[in-house]
């Protein structure tokens, strides 16, 4: 997650349910081989770029998990609604 949105995310109240995230708030990072989200988190904790609160992991199938203080929770990309001509 980029730094400015990360600070907003860190101080926002905890929400229950899937978190919606905007692609523009994130920069792609490295790819890691793992058996699941927590395995990826564990491997990254031992790397030069450990996950921080607000960072996202995406599976090859497109499933997202966002790192929160309480663990990894489901996230979804915000999909803008198509604009129609009036």
PDB file of N, CA and C in Angstrom:
ATOM      1  N   UNK A   1       0.856  -1.168   0.000  1.00  0.00           N
ATOM      2  CA  UNK A   1       0.000   0.000   0.000  1.00  0.00           C
ATOM      3  C   UNK A   1       0.898   1.226   0.000  1.00  0.00           C
ATOM      4  N   UNK A   2       0.486   2.230  -0.745  1.00  0.00           N
ATOM      5  CA  UNK A   2       1.235   3.485  -0.744  1.00  0.00           C
ATOM      6  C   UNK A   2       1.111   4.129   0.639  1.00  0.00           C
ATOM      7  N   UNK A   3       2.075   4.973   0.993  1.00  0.00           N
ATOM      8  CA  UNK A   3       2.172   5.475   2.367  1.00  0.00           C
ATOM      9  C   UNK A   3       0.981   6.332   2.814  1.00  0.00           C
ATOM     10  N   UNK A   4       0.514   7.259   1.992  1.00  0.00           N
ATOM     11  CA  UNK A   4      -0.599   8.116   2.419  1.00  0.00           C
ATOM     12  C   UNK A   4      -1.863   7.305   2.694  1.00  0.00           C
ATOM     13  N   UNK A   5      -2.307   6.425   1.775  1.00  0.00           N
ATOM     14  CA  UNK A   5      -3.480   5.604   2.101  1.00  0.00           C
ATOM     15  C   UNK A   5      -3.232   4.675   3.288  1.00  0.00           C
ATOM     16  N   UNK A   6      -1.979   4.224   3.472  1.00  0.00           N
ATOM     17  CA  UNK A   6      -1.672   3.341   4.605  1.00  0.00           C
ATOM     18  C   UNK A   6      -1.958   4.056   5.929  1.00  0.00           C
ATOM     19  N   UNK A   7      -1.580   5.313   6.036  1.00  0.00           N
ATOM     20  CA  UNK A   7      -1.817   6.046   7.276  1.00  0.00           C
ATOM     21  C   UNK A   7      -3.319   6.209   7.537  1.00  0.00           C
ATOM     22  N   UNK A   8      -4.091   6.475   6.488  1.00  0.00           N
ATOM     23  CA  UNK A   8      -5.545   6.581   6.641  1.00  0.00           C
ATOM     24  C   UNK A   8      -6.120   5.228   7.074  1.00  0.00           C
ATOM     25  N   UNK A   9      -5.634   4.156   6.478  1.00  0.00           N
ATOM     26  CA  UNK A   9      -6.118   2.811   6.800  1.00  0.00           C
ATOM     27  C   UNK A   9      -5.773   2.439   8.238  1.00  0.00           C
ATOM     28  N   UNK A  10      -4.548   2.765   8.654  1.00  0.00           N
ATOM     29  CA  UNK A  10      -4.104   2.407  10.009  1.00  0.00           C
ATOM     30  C   UNK A  10      -4.963   3.042  11.084  1.00  0.00           C
ATOM     31  N   UNK A  11      -5.413   4.268  10.835  1.00  0.00           N
ATOM     32  CA  UNK A  11      -6.157   4.991  11.870  1.00  0.00           C
ATOM     33  C   UNK A  11      -7.670   4.878  11.723  1.00  0.00           C
ATOM     34  N   UNK A  12      -8.134   4.225  10.680  1.00  0.00           N
ATOM     35  CA  UNK A  12      -9.573   4.026  10.494  1.00  0.00           C
ATOM     36  C   UNK A  12     -10.067   2.955  11.476  1.00  0.00           C
ATOM     37  N   UNK A  13     -11.329   3.037  11.883  1.00  0.00           N
ATOM     38  CA  UNK A  13     -11.857   2.001  12.785  1.00  0.00           C
ATOM     39  C   UNK A  13     -11.907   0.647  12.087  1.00  0.00           C
ATOM     40  N   UNK A  14     -11.766  -0.407  12.867  1.00  0.00           N
ATOM     41  CA  UNK A  14     -11.837  -1.768  12.331  1.00  0.00           C
ATOM     42  C   UNK A  14     -13.247  -2.043  11.837  1.00  0.00           C
ATOM     43  N   UNK A  15     -13.350  -2.651  10.665  1.00  0.00           N
ATOM     44  CA  UNK A  15     -14.657  -2.994  10.118  1.00  0.00           C
ATOM     45  C   UNK A  15     -14.773  -4.506   9.995  1.00  0.00           C
ATOM     46  N   UNK A  16     -15.989  -4.976  10.046  1.00  0.00           N
ATOM     47  CA  UNK A  16     -16.255  -6.404   9.887  1.00  0.00           C
ATOM     48  C   UNK A  16     -16.687  -6.636   8.447  1.00  0.00           C
ATOM     49  N   UNK A  17     -16.259  -7.740   7.885  1.00  0.00           N
ATOM     50  CA  UNK A  17     -16.625  -8.057   6.508  1.00  0.00           C
ATOM     51  C   UNK A  17     -15.507  -7.701   5.552  1.00  0.00           C
ATOM     52  N   UNK A  18     -15.765  -7.898   4.276  1.00  0.00           N
ATOM     53  CA  UNK A  18     -14.754  -7.656   3.250  1.00  0.00           C
ATOM     54  C   UNK A  18     -14.418  -6.170   3.168  1.00  0.00           C
ATOM     55  N   UNK A  19     -13.140  -5.889   3.012  1.00  0.00           N
ATOM     56  CA  UNK A  19     -12.657  -4.524   2.844  1.00  0.00           C
ATOM     57  C   UNK A  19     -12.570  -4.217   1.360  1.00  0.00           C
ATOM     58  N   UNK A  20     -13.090  -3.076   0.951  1.00  0.00           N
ATOM     59  CA  UNK A  20     -12.946  -2.684  -0.452  1.00  0.00           C
ATOM     60  C   UNK A  20     -11.705  -1.814  -0.584  1.00  0.00           C
ATOM     61  N   UNK A  21     -10.919  -2.107  -1.607  1.00  0.00           N
ATOM     62  CA  UNK A  21      -9.656  -1.398  -1.817  1.00  0.00           C
ATOM     63  C   UNK A  21      -9.577  -0.899  -3.252  1.00  0.00           C
ATOM     64  N   UNK A  22      -8.875   0.213  -3.436  1.00  0.00           N
ATOM     65  CA  UNK A  22      -8.722   0.813  -4.758  1.00  0.00           C
ATOM     66  C   UNK A  22      -7.350   0.457  -5.325  1.00  0.00           C
ATOM     67  N   UNK A  23      -7.303  -0.040  -6.540  1.00  0.00           N
ATOM     68  CA  UNK A  23      -6.017  -0.403  -7.142  1.00  0.00           C
ATOM     69  C   UNK A  23      -5.007   0.745  -7.151  1.00  0.00           C
ATOM     70  N   UNK A  24      -5.482   1.996  -7.276  1.00  0.00           N
ATOM     71  CA  UNK A  24      -4.547   3.131  -7.336  1.00  0.00           C
ATOM     72  C   UNK A  24      -3.783   3.345  -6.026  1.00  0.00           C
ATOM     73  N   UNK A  25      -4.247   2.740  -4.926  1.00  0.00           N
ATOM     74  CA  UNK A  25      -3.577   2.892  -3.636  1.00  0.00           C
ATOM     75  C   UNK A  25      -2.445   1.896  -3.426  1.00  0.00           C
ATOM     76  N   UNK A  26      -2.207   1.037  -4.411  1.00  0.00           N
ATOM     77  CA  UNK A  26      -1.221  -0.030  -4.252  1.00  0.00           C
ATOM     78  C   UNK A  26      -0.226  -0.046  -5.399  1.00  0.00           C
ATOM     79  N   UNK A  27       0.993  -0.417  -5.082  1.00  0.00           N
ATOM     80  CA  UNK A  27       2.036  -0.657  -6.075  1.00  0.00           C
ATOM     81  C   UNK A  27       2.314  -2.150  -6.090  1.00  0.00           C
ATOM     82  N   UNK A  28       2.366  -2.761  -7.269  1.00  0.00           N
ATOM     83  CA  UNK A  28       2.694  -4.195  -7.324  1.00  0.00           C
ATOM     84  C   UNK A  28       4.069  -4.455  -6.721  1.00  0.00           C
ATOM     85  N   UNK A  29       4.219  -5.613  -6.163  1.00  0.00           N
ATOM     86  CA  UNK A  29       5.488  -5.989  -5.542  1.00  0.00           C
ATOM     87  C   UNK A  29       5.894  -7.359  -6.048  1.00  0.00           C
ATOM     88  N   UNK A  30       6.763  -7.996  -5.302  1.00  0.00           N
ATOM     89  CA  UNK A  30       7.301  -9.283  -5.715  1.00  0.00           C
ATOM     90  C   UNK A  30       6.260 -10.395  -5.676  1.00  0.00           C
ATOM     91  N   UNK A  31       6.535 -11.462  -6.389  1.00  0.00           N
ATOM     92  CA  UNK A  31       5.714 -12.665  -6.374  1.00  0.00           C
ATOM     93  C   UNK A  31       6.402 -13.667  -5.463  1.00  0.00           C
ATOM     94  N   UNK A  32       5.606 -14.403  -4.705  1.00  0.00           N
ATOM     95  CA  UNK A  32       6.169 -15.389  -3.790  1.00  0.00           C
ATOM     96  C   UNK A  32       5.392 -16.688  -3.929  1.00  0.00           C
ATOM     97  N   UNK A  33       6.099 -17.791  -3.888  1.00  0.00           N
ATOM     98  CA  UNK A  33       5.468 -19.115  -3.916  1.00  0.00           C
ATOM     99  C   UNK A  33       5.096 -19.487  -2.484  1.00  0.00           C
ATOM    100  N   UNK A  34       3.818 -19.828  -2.280  1.00  0.00           N
ATOM    101  CA  UNK A  34       3.356 -20.197  -0.940  1.00  0.00           C
ATOM    102  C   UNK A  34       2.153 -21.120  -1.065  1.00  0.00           C
ATOM    103  N   UNK A  35       1.873 -21.848   0.008  1.00  0.00           N
ATOM    104  CA  UNK A  35       0.731 -22.768   0.010  1.00  0.00           C
ATOM    105  C   UNK A  35      -0.569 -22.071   0.393  1.00  0.00           C
ATOM    106  N   UNK A  36      -0.494 -20.852   0.875  1.00  0.00           N
ATOM    107  CA  UNK A  36      -1.685 -20.099   1.269  1.00  0.00           C
ATOM    108  C   UNK A  36      -1.289 -18.706   1.725  1.00  0.00           C
ATOM    109  N   UNK A  37      -2.282 -17.935   2.144  1.00  0.00           N
ATOM    110  CA  UNK A  37      -2.019 -16.547   2.537  1.00  0.00           C
ATOM    111  C   UNK A  37      -1.130 -16.449   3.769  1.00  0.00           C
ATOM    112  N   UNK A  38      -1.365 -17.272   4.780  1.00  0.00           N
ATOM    113  CA  UNK A  38      -0.543 -17.186   5.988  1.00  0.00           C
ATOM    114  C   UNK A  38       0.872 -17.712   5.753  1.00  0.00           C
ATOM    115  N   UNK A  39       1.016 -18.669   4.843  1.00  0.00           N
ATOM    116  CA  UNK A  39       2.349 -19.133   4.466  1.00  0.00           C
ATOM    117  C   UNK A  39       3.099 -18.000   3.766  1.00  0.00           C
ATOM    118  N   UNK A  40       2.420 -17.289   2.881  1.00  0.00           N
ATOM    119  CA  UNK A  40       3.042 -16.147   2.192  1.00  0.00           C
ATOM    120  C   UNK A  40       3.427 -15.069   3.208  1.00  0.00           C
ATOM    121  N   UNK A  41       2.523 -14.783   4.152  1.00  0.00           N
ATOM    122  CA  UNK A  41       2.814 -13.793   5.179  1.00  0.00           C
ATOM    123  C   UNK A  41       4.072 -14.193   5.964  1.00  0.00           C
ATOM    124  N   UNK A  42       4.134 -15.465   6.356  1.00  0.00           N
ATOM    125  CA  UNK A  42       5.275 -15.957   7.119  1.00  0.00           C
ATOM    126  C   UNK A  42       6.571 -15.824   6.334  1.00  0.00           C
ATOM    127  N   UNK A  43       6.540 -16.204   5.080  1.00  0.00           N
ATOM    128  CA  UNK A  43       7.743 -16.115   4.242  1.00  0.00           C
ATOM    129  C   UNK A  43       8.174 -14.666   4.050  1.00  0.00           C
ATOM    130  N   UNK A  44       7.199 -13.781   3.855  1.00  0.00           N
ATOM    131  CA  UNK A  44       7.542 -12.371   3.659  1.00  0.00           C
ATOM    132  C   UNK A  44       8.070 -11.725   4.934  1.00  0.00           C
ATOM    133  N   UNK A  45       7.639 -12.192   6.103  1.00  0.00           N
ATOM    134  CA  UNK A  45       8.136 -11.644   7.366  1.00  0.00           C
ATOM    135  C   UNK A  45       9.644 -11.869   7.494  1.00  0.00           C
ATOM    136  N   UNK A  46      10.149 -12.898   6.838  1.00  0.00           N
ATOM    137  CA  UNK A  46      11.578 -13.218   6.890  1.00  0.00           C
ATOM    138  C   UNK A  46      12.350 -12.592   5.733  1.00  0.00           C
ATOM    139  N   UNK A  47      11.659 -11.809   4.885  1.00  0.00           N
ATOM    140  CA  UNK A  47      12.307 -11.213   3.712  1.00  0.00           C
ATOM    141  C   UNK A  47      12.688  -9.757   3.979  1.00  0.00           C
ATOM    142  N   UNK A  48      13.180  -9.108   2.947  1.00  0.00           N
ATOM    143  CA  UNK A  48      13.547  -7.687   3.064  1.00  0.00           C
ATOM    144  C   UNK A  48      12.330  -6.778   2.945  1.00  0.00           C
ATOM    145  N   UNK A  49      11.175  -7.341   2.539  1.00  0.00           N
ATOM    146  CA  UNK A  49       9.945  -6.562   2.420  1.00  0.00           C
ATOM    147  C   UNK A  49       8.798  -7.243   3.173  1.00  0.00           C
ATOM    148  N   UNK A  50       8.828  -7.238   4.503  1.00  0.00           N
ATOM    149  CA  UNK A  50       7.736  -7.878   5.252  1.00  0.00           C
ATOM    150  C   UNK A  50       6.421  -7.123   5.040  1.00  0.00           C
ATOM    151  N   UNK A  51       5.311  -7.846   5.158  1.00  0.00           N
ATOM    152  CA  UNK A  51       4.004  -7.211   5.027  1.00  0.00           C
ATOM    153  C   UNK A  51       3.767  -6.259   6.180  1.00  0.00           C
ATOM    154  N   UNK A  52       3.107  -5.149   5.880  1.00  0.00           N
ATOM    155  CA  UNK A  52       2.708  -4.192   6.899  1.00  0.00           C
ATOM    156  C   UNK A  52       1.187  -4.091   6.884  1.00  0.00           C
ATOM    157  N   UNK A  53       0.635  -3.521   7.920  1.00  0.00           N
ATOM    158  CA  UNK A  53      -0.807  -3.315   7.974  1.00  0.00           C
ATOM    159  C   UNK A  53      -1.224  -2.516   6.744  1.00  0.00           C
ATOM    160  N   UNK A  54      -2.225  -3.034   6.034  1.00  0.00           N
ATOM    161  CA  UNK A  54      -2.716  -2.385   4.823  1.00  0.00           C
ATOM    162  C   UNK A  54      -2.223  -3.024   3.544  1.00  0.00           C
ATOM    163  N   UNK A  55      -1.192  -3.847   3.625  1.00  0.00           N
ATOM    164  CA  UNK A  55      -0.687  -4.519   2.427  1.00  0.00           C
ATOM    165  C   UNK A  55      -1.629  -5.640   2.021  1.00  0.00           C
ATOM    166  N   UNK A  56      -1.621  -5.959   0.739  1.00  0.00           N
ATOM    167  CA  UNK A  56      -2.526  -6.971   0.192  1.00  0.00           C
ATOM    168  C   UNK A  56      -1.731  -8.117  -0.411  1.00  0.00           C
ATOM    169  N   UNK A  57      -2.277  -9.309  -0.235  1.00  0.00           N
ATOM    170  CA  UNK A  57      -1.793 -10.492  -0.945  1.00  0.00           C
ATOM    171  C   UNK A  57      -2.884 -10.909  -1.920  1.00  0.00           C
ATOM    172  N   UNK A  58      -2.477 -11.291  -3.129  1.00  0.00           N
ATOM    173  CA  UNK A  58      -3.429 -11.747  -4.136  1.00  0.00           C
ATOM    174  C   UNK A  58      -3.026 -13.132  -4.605  1.00  0.00           C
ATOM    175  N   UNK A  59      -3.981 -14.057  -4.588  1.00  0.00           N
ATOM    176  CA  UNK A  59      -3.714 -15.426  -5.031  1.00  0.00           C
ATOM    177  C   UNK A  59      -3.727 -15.472  -6.558  1.00  0.00           C
ATOM    178  N   UNK A  60      -3.182 -16.542  -7.140  1.00  0.00           N
ATOM    179  CA  UNK A  60      -3.235 -16.686  -8.602  1.00  0.00           C
ATOM    180  C   UNK A  60      -4.668 -16.666  -9.136  1.00  0.00           C
ATOM    181  N   UNK A  61      -5.638 -17.056  -8.310  1.00  0.00           N
ATOM    182  CA  UNK A  61      -7.038 -17.056  -8.719  1.00  0.00           C
ATOM    183  C   UNK A  61      -7.691 -15.678  -8.587  1.00  0.00           C
ATOM    184  N   UNK A  62      -6.970 -14.712  -8.017  1.00  0.00           N
ATOM    185  CA  UNK A  62      -7.506 -13.361  -7.868  1.00  0.00           C
ATOM    186  C   UNK A  62      -8.116 -13.067  -6.512  1.00  0.00           C
ATOM    187  N   UNK A  63      -8.071 -14.026  -5.568  1.00  0.00           N
ATOM    188  CA  UNK A  63      -8.571 -13.776  -4.218  1.00  0.00           C
ATOM    189  C   UNK A  63      -7.624 -12.817  -3.503  1.00  0.00           C
ATOM    190  N   UNK A  64      -8.193 -11.881  -2.745  1.00  0.00           N
ATOM    191  CA  UNK A  64      -7.391 -10.890  -2.028  1.00  0.00           C
ATOM    192  C   UNK A  64      -7.532 -11.055  -0.527  1.00  0.00           C
ATOM    193  N   UNK A  65      -6.439 -10.793   0.182  1.00  0.00           N
ATOM    194  CA  UNK A  65      -6.445 -10.707   1.634  1.00  0.00           C
ATOM    195  C   UNK A  65      -5.652  -9.466   2.006  1.00  0.00           C
ATOM    196  N   UNK A  66      -6.209  -8.695   2.927  1.00  0.00           N
ATOM    197  CA  UNK A  66      -5.537  -7.486   3.381  1.00  0.00           C
ATOM    198  C   UNK A  66      -5.005  -7.737   4.790  1.00  0.00           C
ATOM    199  N   UNK A  67      -3.810  -7.266   5.039  1.00  0.00           N
ATOM    200  CA  UNK A  67      -3.170  -7.447   6.343  1.00  0.00           C
ATOM    201  C   UNK A  67      -3.713  -6.387   7.300  1.00  0.00           C
ATOM    202  N   UNK A  68      -4.356  -6.862   8.375  1.00  0.00           N
ATOM    203  CA  UNK A  68      -4.878  -5.977   9.413  1.00  0.00           C
ATOM    204  C   UNK A  68      -4.206  -6.346  10.724  1.00  0.00           C
ATOM    205  N   UNK A  69      -4.445  -5.552  11.747  1.00  0.00           N
ATOM    206  CA  UNK A  69      -3.883  -5.839  13.061  1.00  0.00           C
ATOM    207  C   UNK A  69      -4.342  -7.195  13.581  1.00  0.00           C
ATOM    208  N   UNK A  70      -5.531  -7.621  13.179  1.00  0.00           N
ATOM    209  CA  UNK A  70      -6.109  -8.859  13.689  1.00  0.00           C
ATOM    210  C   UNK A  70      -5.805 -10.061  12.800  1.00  0.00           C
ATOM    211  N   UNK A  71      -5.084  -9.873  11.720  1.00  0.00           N
ATOM    212  CA  UNK A  71      -4.752 -10.970  10.811  1.00  0.00           C
ATOM    213  C   UNK A  71      -5.050 -10.598   9.375  1.00  0.00           C
ATOM    214  N   UNK A  72      -5.214 -11.623   8.558  1.00  0.00           N
ATOM    215  CA  UNK A  72      -5.506 -11.429   7.139  1.00  0.00           C
ATOM    216  C   UNK A  72      -7.015 -11.528   6.948  1.00  0.00           C
ATOM    217  N   UNK A  73      -7.606 -10.530   6.304  1.00  0.00           N
ATOM    218  CA  UNK A  73      -9.048 -10.545   6.075  1.00  0.00           C
ATOM    219  C   UNK A  73      -9.345 -10.367   4.590  1.00  0.00           C
ATOM    220  N   UNK A  74     -10.519 -10.782   4.193  1.00  0.00           N
ATOM    221  CA  UNK A  74     -10.945 -10.717   2.797  1.00  0.00           C
ATOM    222  C   UNK A  74     -10.999  -9.267   2.322  1.00  0.00           C
ATOM    223  N   UNK A  75     -10.556  -9.063   1.096  1.00  0.00           N
ATOM    224  CA  UNK A  75     -10.623  -7.741   0.466  1.00  0.00           C
ATOM    225  C   UNK A  75     -11.127  -7.912  -0.962  1.00  0.00           C
ATOM    226  N   UNK A  76     -11.685  -6.852  -1.491  1.00  0.00           N
ATOM    227  CA  UNK A  76     -12.160  -6.833  -2.875  1.00  0.00           C
ATOM    228  C   UNK A  76     -11.746  -5.524  -3.524  1.00  0.00           C
ATOM    229  N   UNK A  77     -11.374  -5.588  -4.794  1.00  0.00           N
ATOM    230  CA  UNK A  77     -11.068  -4.378  -5.543  1.00  0.00           C
ATOM    231  C   UNK A  77     -12.354  -3.606  -5.765  1.00  0.00           C
ATOM    232  N   UNK A  78     -12.292  -2.288  -5.672  1.00  0.00           N
ATOM    233  CA  UNK A  78     -13.420  -1.429  -6.024  1.00  0.00           C
ATOM    234  C   UNK A  78     -13.508  -1.430  -7.541  1.00  0.00           C
ATOM    235  N   UNK A  79     -14.690  -1.758  -8.033  1.00  0.00           N
ATOM    236  CA  UNK A  79     -14.908  -1.747  -9.481  1.00  0.00           C
ATOM    237  C   UNK A  79     -15.827  -0.570  -9.778  1.00  0.00           C
ATOM    238  N   UNK A  80     -15.300   0.463 -10.455  1.00  0.00           N
ATOM    239  CA  UNK A  80     -16.142   1.616 -10.728  1.00  0.00           C
ATOM    240  C   UNK A  80     -17.303   1.254 -11.654  1.00  0.00           C
ATOM    241  N   UNK A  81     -18.454   1.863 -11.376  1.00  0.00           N
ATOM    242  CA  UNK A  81     -19.607   1.629 -12.230  1.00  0.00           C
ATOM    243  C   UNK A  81     -19.417   2.370 -13.544  1.00  0.00           C
ATOM    244  N   UNK A  82     -19.800   1.739 -14.658  1.00  0.00           N
ATOM    245  CA  UNK A  82     -19.670   2.432 -15.940  1.00  0.00           C
ATOM    246  C   UNK A  82     -20.544   3.679 -15.973  1.00  0.00           C
ATOM    247  N   UNK A  83     -19.995   4.741 -16.539  1.00  0.00           N
ATOM    248  CA  UNK A  83     -20.764   5.972 -16.659  1.00  0.00           C
ATOM    249  C   UNK A  83     -21.600   5.922 -17.926  1.00  0.00           C
ATOM    250  N   UNK A  84     -22.826   6.349 -17.792  1.00  0.00           N
ATOM    251  CA  UNK A  84     -23.703   6.374 -18.968  1.00  0.00           C
ATOM    252  C   UNK A  84     -23.939   7.810 -19.391  1.00  0.00           C
ATOM    253  N   UNK A  85     -24.079   8.007 -20.673  1.00  0.00           N
ATOM    254  CA  UNK A  85     -24.341   9.354 -21.197  1.00  0.00           C
ATOM    255  C   UNK A  85     -25.786   9.734 -20.881  1.00  0.00           C
ATOM    256  N   UNK A  86     -25.978  10.932 -20.384  1.00  0.00           N
ATOM    257  CA  UNK A  86     -27.339  11.381 -20.051  1.00  0.00           C
ATOM    258  C   UNK A  86     -27.898  12.251 -21.139  1.00  0.00           C
TER     259      UNK A  86
END
